[in-house]
Each structure stands twice: as structure tokens, then as C-alpha cells.
Amino acid sequence: MGGGASAVQQYLQAGLLDELQVNVAPVLLGNGTRLFEGLGAEQALEITRVVEAPAVTYLRYRVVK
């Protein structure tokens, strides 16, 4: 599934995701939607993998149900 923060939030709230991979590149683009803002207590994420590279960090989360 691809998309921005709003799409990810909708999929999480609908319970349709089992895993989430986020690729973080240190670039400042201005305003945007916070990815994990507004998630309820019932929507816990467990980090399962972190891979660091010079220009990007890859994060993998498991959605705890």
C-alpha cells in the first residue's frame, strides 16, 4: 500500500494493516500530516526492524492487535 500519512491513518483505524514500513529521509519539506498523530491506545505499533543508511533510515513496525 502506498500513500501519505492520511491514507496510513485510515488503514490503521480500519484494522487493515498487519505491518508498516516507513522510510525516513532527512529532508525538510514544510508542513504536513503527522504519521502517528491521533492513533488511539488500541492501535499499538511494535518496531521490528531498523536499518540505517547514509541518506535514509528504514523502519518496520508490526501492528499489535
PDB file of N, CA and C in Angstrom:
ATOM      1  N   MET A   1       0.838  -1.160   0.000  1.00  0.00           N
ATOM      2  CA  MET A   1       0.000   0.000   0.000  1.00  0.00           C
ATOM      3  C   MET A   1       0.888   1.228   0.000  1.00  0.00           C
ATOM      4  N   GLY A   2       0.622   2.149  -0.815  1.00  0.00           N
ATOM      5  CA  GLY A   2       1.365   3.395  -0.838  1.00  0.00           C
ATOM      6  C   GLY A   2       0.437   4.539  -0.487  1.00  0.00           C
ATOM      7  N   GLY A   3       0.995   5.646  -0.132  1.00  0.00           N
ATOM      8  CA  GLY A   3       0.165   6.801   0.180  1.00  0.00           C
ATOM      9  C   GLY A   3       0.799   7.624   1.272  1.00  0.00           C
ATOM     10  N   GLY A   4       0.153   8.702   1.583  1.00  0.00           N
ATOM     11  CA  GLY A   4       0.658   9.589   2.613  1.00  0.00           C
ATOM     12  C   GLY A   4       0.148   9.225   3.984  1.00  0.00           C
ATOM     13  N   ALA A   5       0.401  10.114   4.931  1.00  0.00           N
ATOM     14  CA  ALA A   5       0.040   9.871   6.325  1.00  0.00           C
ATOM     15  C   ALA A   5      -1.464   9.673   6.495  1.00  0.00           C
ATOM     16  N   SER A   6      -2.253  10.423   5.779  1.00  0.00           N
ATOM     17  CA  SER A   6      -3.712  10.300   5.902  1.00  0.00           C
ATOM     18  C   SER A   6      -4.190   8.912   5.489  1.00  0.00           C
ATOM     19  N   ALA A   7      -3.648   8.385   4.412  1.00  0.00           N
ATOM     20  CA  ALA A   7      -4.031   7.044   3.952  1.00  0.00           C
ATOM     21  C   ALA A   7      -3.615   5.991   4.969  1.00  0.00           C
ATOM     22  N   VAL A   8      -2.411   6.099   5.518  1.00  0.00           N
ATOM     23  CA  VAL A   8      -1.933   5.147   6.514  1.00  0.00           C
ATOM     24  C   VAL A   8      -2.819   5.191   7.755  1.00  0.00           C
ATOM     25  N   GLN A   9      -3.167   6.381   8.217  1.00  0.00           N
ATOM     26  CA  GLN A   9      -4.034   6.520   9.381  1.00  0.00           C
ATOM     27  C   GLN A   9      -5.395   5.863   9.144  1.00  0.00           C
ATOM     28  N   GLN A  10      -5.953   6.027   7.965  1.00  0.00           N
ATOM     29  CA  GLN A  10      -7.253   5.422   7.653  1.00  0.00           C
ATOM     30  C   GLN A  10      -7.169   3.896   7.639  1.00  0.00           C
ATOM     31  N   TYR A  11      -6.102   3.341   7.072  1.00  0.00           N
ATOM     32  CA  TYR A  11      -5.926   1.893   7.054  1.00  0.00           C
ATOM     33  C   TYR A  11      -5.719   1.346   8.460  1.00  0.00           C
ATOM     34  N   LEU A  12      -4.940   2.060   9.288  1.00  0.00           N
ATOM     35  CA  LEU A  12      -4.738   1.623  10.667  1.00  0.00           C
ATOM     36  C   LEU A  12      -6.053   1.642  11.443  1.00  0.00           C
ATOM     37  N   GLN A  13      -6.812   2.707  11.295  1.00  0.00           N
ATOM     38  CA  GLN A  13      -8.080   2.823  12.012  1.00  0.00           C
ATOM     39  C   GLN A  13      -9.083   1.764  11.571  1.00  0.00           C
ATOM     40  N   ALA A  14      -9.000   1.335  10.319  1.00  0.00           N
ATOM     41  CA  ALA A  14      -9.904   0.305   9.810  1.00  0.00           C
ATOM     42  C   ALA A  14      -9.410  -1.103  10.144  1.00  0.00           C
ATOM     43  N   GLY A  15      -8.201  -1.209  10.725  1.00  0.00           N
ATOM     44  CA  GLY A  15      -7.663  -2.515  11.090  1.00  0.00           C
ATOM     45  C   GLY A  15      -7.195  -3.336   9.905  1.00  0.00           C
ATOM     46  N   LEU A  16      -6.774  -2.679   8.832  1.00  0.00           N
ATOM     47  CA  LEU A  16      -6.402  -3.373   7.601  1.00  0.00           C
ATOM     48  C   LEU A  16      -4.902  -3.583   7.418  1.00  0.00           C
ATOM     49  N   LEU A  17      -4.098  -3.105   8.360  1.00  0.00           N
ATOM     50  CA  LEU A  17      -2.648  -3.265   8.235  1.00  0.00           C
ATOM     51  C   LEU A  17      -2.121  -4.237   9.280  1.00  0.00           C
ATOM     52  N   ASP A  18      -1.203  -5.108   8.856  1.00  0.00           N
ATOM     53  CA  ASP A  18      -0.504  -6.006   9.765  1.00  0.00           C
ATOM     54  C   ASP A  18       0.915  -5.524  10.013  1.00  0.00           C
ATOM     55  N   GLU A  19       1.459  -4.802   9.039  1.00  0.00           N
ATOM     56  CA  GLU A  19       2.844  -4.362   9.091  1.00  0.00           C
ATOM     57  C   GLU A  19       2.952  -3.025   8.378  1.00  0.00           C
ATOM     58  N   LEU A  20       3.902  -2.229   8.808  1.00  0.00           N
ATOM     59  CA  LEU A  20       4.090  -0.898   8.238  1.00  0.00           C
ATOM     60  C   LEU A  20       5.581  -0.647   8.100  1.00  0.00           C
ATOM     61  N   GLN A  21       6.034  -0.267   6.910  1.00  0.00           N
ATOM     62  CA  GLN A  21       7.431   0.103   6.716  1.00  0.00           C
ATOM     63  C   GLN A  21       7.484   1.578   6.380  1.00  0.00           C
ATOM     64  N   VAL A  22       8.302   2.298   7.120  1.00  0.00           N
ATOM     65  CA  VAL A  22       8.451   3.739   6.934  1.00  0.00           C
ATOM     66  C   VAL A  22       9.900   4.012   6.564  1.00  0.00           C
ATOM     67  N   ASN A  23      10.116   4.715   5.474  1.00  0.00           N
ATOM     68  CA  ASN A  23      11.445   5.119   5.038  1.00  0.00           C
ATOM     69  C   ASN A  23      11.601   6.603   5.342  1.00  0.00           C
ATOM     70  N   VAL A  24      12.545   6.942   6.201  1.00  0.00           N
ATOM     71  CA  VAL A  24      12.722   8.314   6.654  1.00  0.00           C
ATOM     72  C   VAL A  24      13.978   8.896   6.023  1.00  0.00           C
ATOM     73  N   ALA A  25      13.799   9.960   5.243  1.00  0.00           N
ATOM     74  CA  ALA A  25      14.924  10.685   4.648  1.00  0.00           C
ATOM     75  C   ALA A  25      14.959  12.079   5.284  1.00  0.00           C
ATOM     76  N   PRO A  26      16.100  12.526   5.741  1.00  0.00           N
ATOM     77  CA  PRO A  26      16.184  13.803   6.450  1.00  0.00           C
ATOM     78  C   PRO A  26      16.096  15.014   5.524  1.00  0.00           C
ATOM     79  N   VAL A  27      14.890  15.276   5.044  1.00  0.00           N
ATOM     80  CA  VAL A  27      14.647  16.421   4.171  1.00  0.00           C
ATOM     81  C   VAL A  27      13.490  17.215   4.755  1.00  0.00           C
ATOM     82  N   LEU A  28      13.671  18.498   4.896  1.00  0.00           N
ATOM     83  CA  LEU A  28      12.621  19.352   5.445  1.00  0.00           C
ATOM     84  C   LEU A  28      11.767  19.877   4.296  1.00  0.00           C
ATOM     85  N   LEU A  29      10.487  19.493   4.279  1.00  0.00           N
ATOM     86  CA  LEU A  29       9.590  19.889   3.197  1.00  0.00           C
ATOM     87  C   LEU A  29       8.546  20.915   3.620  1.00  0.00           C
ATOM     88  N   GLY A  30       8.476  21.213   4.886  1.00  0.00           N
ATOM     89  CA  GLY A  30       7.469  22.171   5.341  1.00  0.00           C
ATOM     90  C   GLY A  30       6.376  21.479   6.120  1.00  0.00           C
ATOM     91  N   ASN A  31       5.152  21.984   5.993  1.00  0.00           N
ATOM     92  CA  ASN A  31       4.015  21.438   6.724  1.00  0.00           C
ATOM     93  C   ASN A  31       3.583  20.097   6.157  1.00  0.00           C
ATOM     94  N   GLY A  32       2.951  19.317   7.001  1.00  0.00           N
ATOM     95  CA  GLY A  32       2.447  18.024   6.571  1.00  0.00           C
ATOM     96  C   GLY A  32       1.637  17.386   7.675  1.00  0.00           C
ATOM     97  N   THR A  33       1.151  16.207   7.412  1.00  0.00           N
ATOM     98  CA  THR A  33       0.373  15.459   8.386  1.00  0.00           C
ATOM     99  C   THR A  33       1.306  14.555   9.175  1.00  0.00           C
ATOM    100  N   ARG A  34       1.165  14.553  10.483  1.00  0.00           N
ATOM    101  CA  ARG A  34       1.985  13.681  11.323  1.00  0.00           C
ATOM    102  C   ARG A  34       1.472  12.257  11.194  1.00  0.00           C
ATOM    103  N   LEU A  35       2.378  11.341  10.925  1.00  0.00           N
ATOM    104  CA  LEU A  35       2.003   9.962  10.630  1.00  0.00           C
ATOM    105  C   LEU A  35       1.315   9.275  11.793  1.00  0.00           C
ATOM    106  N   PHE A  36       1.826   9.415  13.009  1.00  0.00           N
ATOM    107  CA  PHE A  36       1.289   8.678  14.143  1.00  0.00           C
ATOM    108  C   PHE A  36       0.377   9.505  15.032  1.00  0.00           C
ATOM    109  N   GLU A  37       0.041  10.694  14.629  1.00  0.00           N
ATOM    110  CA  GLU A  37      -0.833  11.549  15.434  1.00  0.00           C
ATOM    111  C   GLU A  37      -2.274  11.047  15.376  1.00  0.00           C
ATOM    112  N   GLY A  38      -2.929  11.032  16.509  1.00  0.00           N
ATOM    113  CA  GLY A  38      -4.338  10.663  16.548  1.00  0.00           C
ATOM    114  C   GLY A  38      -4.612   9.176  16.625  1.00  0.00           C
ATOM    115  N   LEU A  39      -3.571   8.353  16.767  1.00  0.00           N
ATOM    116  CA  LEU A  39      -3.795   6.921  16.907  1.00  0.00           C
ATOM    117  C   LEU A  39      -4.270   6.649  18.324  1.00  0.00           C
ATOM    118  N   GLY A  40      -5.290   5.832  18.452  1.00  0.00           N
ATOM    119  CA  GLY A  40      -5.823   5.501  19.762  1.00  0.00           C
ATOM    120  C   GLY A  40      -4.957   4.487  20.491  1.00  0.00           C
ATOM    121  N   ALA A  41      -5.250   4.272  21.749  1.00  0.00           N
ATOM    122  CA  ALA A  41      -4.500   3.324  22.567  1.00  0.00           C
ATOM    123  C   ALA A  41      -4.616   1.904  22.027  1.00  0.00           C
ATOM    124  N   GLU A  42      -5.701   1.599  21.340  1.00  0.00           N
ATOM    125  CA  GLU A  42      -5.912   0.259  20.791  1.00  0.00           C
ATOM    126  C   GLU A  42      -5.067   0.003  19.545  1.00  0.00           C
ATOM    127  N   GLN A  43      -4.398   1.017  19.032  1.00  0.00           N
ATOM    128  CA  GLN A  43      -3.595   0.885  17.823  1.00  0.00           C
ATOM    129  C   GLN A  43      -2.113   0.982  18.172  1.00  0.00           C
ATOM    130  N   ALA A  44      -1.590  -0.080  18.773  1.00  0.00           N
ATOM    131  CA  ALA A  44      -0.186  -0.090  19.193  1.00  0.00           C
ATOM    132  C   ALA A  44       0.691  -0.601  18.056  1.00  0.00           C
ATOM    133  N   LEU A  45       1.885  -0.041  17.963  1.00  0.00           N
ATOM    134  CA  LEU A  45       2.869  -0.460  16.973  1.00  0.00           C
ATOM    135  C   LEU A  45       4.109  -0.950  17.701  1.00  0.00           C
ATOM    136  N   GLU A  46       4.691  -2.032  17.209  1.00  0.00           N
ATOM    137  CA  GLU A  46       5.920  -2.584  17.774  1.00  0.00           C
ATOM    138  C   GLU A  46       6.989  -2.529  16.695  1.00  0.00           C
ATOM    139  N   ILE A  47       8.091  -1.870  16.985  1.00  0.00           N
ATOM    140  CA  ILE A  47       9.154  -1.770  15.993  1.00  0.00           C
ATOM    141  C   ILE A  47       9.867  -3.116  15.894  1.00  0.00           C
ATOM    142  N   THR A  48      10.032  -3.609  14.667  1.00  0.00           N
ATOM    143  CA  THR A  48      10.624  -4.926  14.465  1.00  0.00           C
ATOM    144  C   THR A  48      11.956  -4.874  13.722  1.00  0.00           C
ATOM    145  N   ARG A  49      12.233  -3.749  13.063  1.00  0.00           N
ATOM    146  CA  ARG A  49      13.479  -3.670  12.290  1.00  0.00           C
ATOM    147  C   ARG A  49      13.866  -2.216  12.070  1.00  0.00           C
ATOM    148  N   VAL A  50      15.155  -1.950  12.181  1.00  0.00           N
ATOM    149  CA  VAL A  50      15.705  -0.626  11.872  1.00  0.00           C
ATOM    150  C   VAL A  50      16.960  -0.842  11.043  1.00  0.00           C
ATOM    151  N   VAL A  51      17.014  -0.222   9.876  1.00  0.00           N
ATOM    152  CA  VAL A  51      18.197  -0.278   9.030  1.00  0.00           C
ATOM    153  C   VAL A  51      18.607   1.161   8.734  1.00  0.00           C
ATOM    154  N   GLU A  52      19.820   1.507   9.131  1.00  0.00           N
ATOM    155  CA  GLU A  52      20.324   2.854   8.909  1.00  0.00           C
ATOM    156  C   GLU A  52      21.252   2.878   7.707  1.00  0.00           C
ATOM    157  N   ALA A  53      21.089   3.899   6.889  1.00  0.00           N
ATOM    158  CA  ALA A  53      21.955   4.137   5.741  1.00  0.00           C
ATOM    159  C   ALA A  53      22.313   5.624   5.744  1.00  0.00           C
ATOM    160  N   PRO A  54      23.290   6.038   4.949  1.00  0.00           N
ATOM    161  CA  PRO A  54      23.711   7.442   4.976  1.00  0.00           C
ATOM    162  C   PRO A  54      22.593   8.452   4.682  1.00  0.00           C
ATOM    163  N   ALA A  55      21.675   8.139   3.794  1.00  0.00           N
ATOM    164  CA  ALA A  55      20.671   9.122   3.405  1.00  0.00           C
ATOM    165  C   ALA A  55      19.246   8.750   3.804  1.00  0.00           C
ATOM    166  N   VAL A  56      19.060   7.587   4.437  1.00  0.00           N
ATOM    167  CA  VAL A  56      17.706   7.148   4.775  1.00  0.00           C
ATOM    168  C   VAL A  56      17.767   6.151   5.930  1.00  0.00           C
ATOM    169  N   THR A  57      16.703   6.110   6.704  1.00  0.00           N
ATOM    170  CA  THR A  57      16.539   5.096   7.746  1.00  0.00           C
ATOM    171  C   THR A  57      15.255   4.340   7.456  1.00  0.00           C
ATOM    172  N   TYR A  58      15.339   3.014   7.450  1.00  0.00           N
ATOM    173  CA  TYR A  58      14.187   2.164   7.175  1.00  0.00           C
ATOM    174  C   TYR A  58      13.660   1.611   8.497  1.00  0.00           C
ATOM    175  N   LEU A  59      12.397   1.848   8.775  1.00  0.00           N
ATOM    176  CA  LEU A  59      11.768   1.381   9.999  1.00  0.00           C
ATOM    177  C   LEU A  59      10.634   0.439   9.647  1.00  0.00           C
ATOM    178  N   ARG A  60      10.562  -0.692  10.328  1.00  0.00           N
ATOM    179  CA  ARG A  60       9.462  -1.631  10.107  1.00  0.00           C
ATOM    180  C   ARG A  60       8.725  -1.815  11.421  1.00  0.00           C
ATOM    181  N   TYR A  61       7.407  -1.704  11.379  1.00  0.00           N
ATOM    182  CA  TYR A  61       6.555  -1.851  12.554  1.00  0.00           C
ATOM    183  C   TYR A  61       5.572  -2.990  12.340  1.00  0.00           C
ATOM    184  N   ARG A  62       5.277  -3.712  13.416  1.00  0.00           N
ATOM    185  CA  ARG A  62       4.204  -4.696  13.420  1.00  0.00           C
ATOM    186  C   ARG A  62       3.030  -4.062  14.139  1.00  0.00           C
ATOM    187  N   VAL A  63       1.851  -4.178  13.565  1.00  0.00           N
ATOM    188  CA  VAL A  63       0.647  -3.638  14.194  1.00  0.00           C
ATOM    189  C   VAL A  63       0.171  -4.662  15.222  1.00  0.00           C
ATOM    190  N   VAL A  64       0.157  -4.271  16.476  1.00  0.00           N
ATOM    191  CA  VAL A  64      -0.267  -5.148  17.565  1.00  0.00           C
ATOM    192  C   VAL A  64      -1.784  -5.113  17.634  1.00  0.00           C
ATOM    193  N   LYS A  65      -2.394  -6.295  17.516  1.00  0.00           N
ATOM    194  CA  LYS A  65      -3.859  -6.350  17.535  1.00  0.00           C
ATOM    195  C   LYS A  65      -4.356  -7.043  18.771  1.00  0.00           C
TER     196      LYS A  65
END
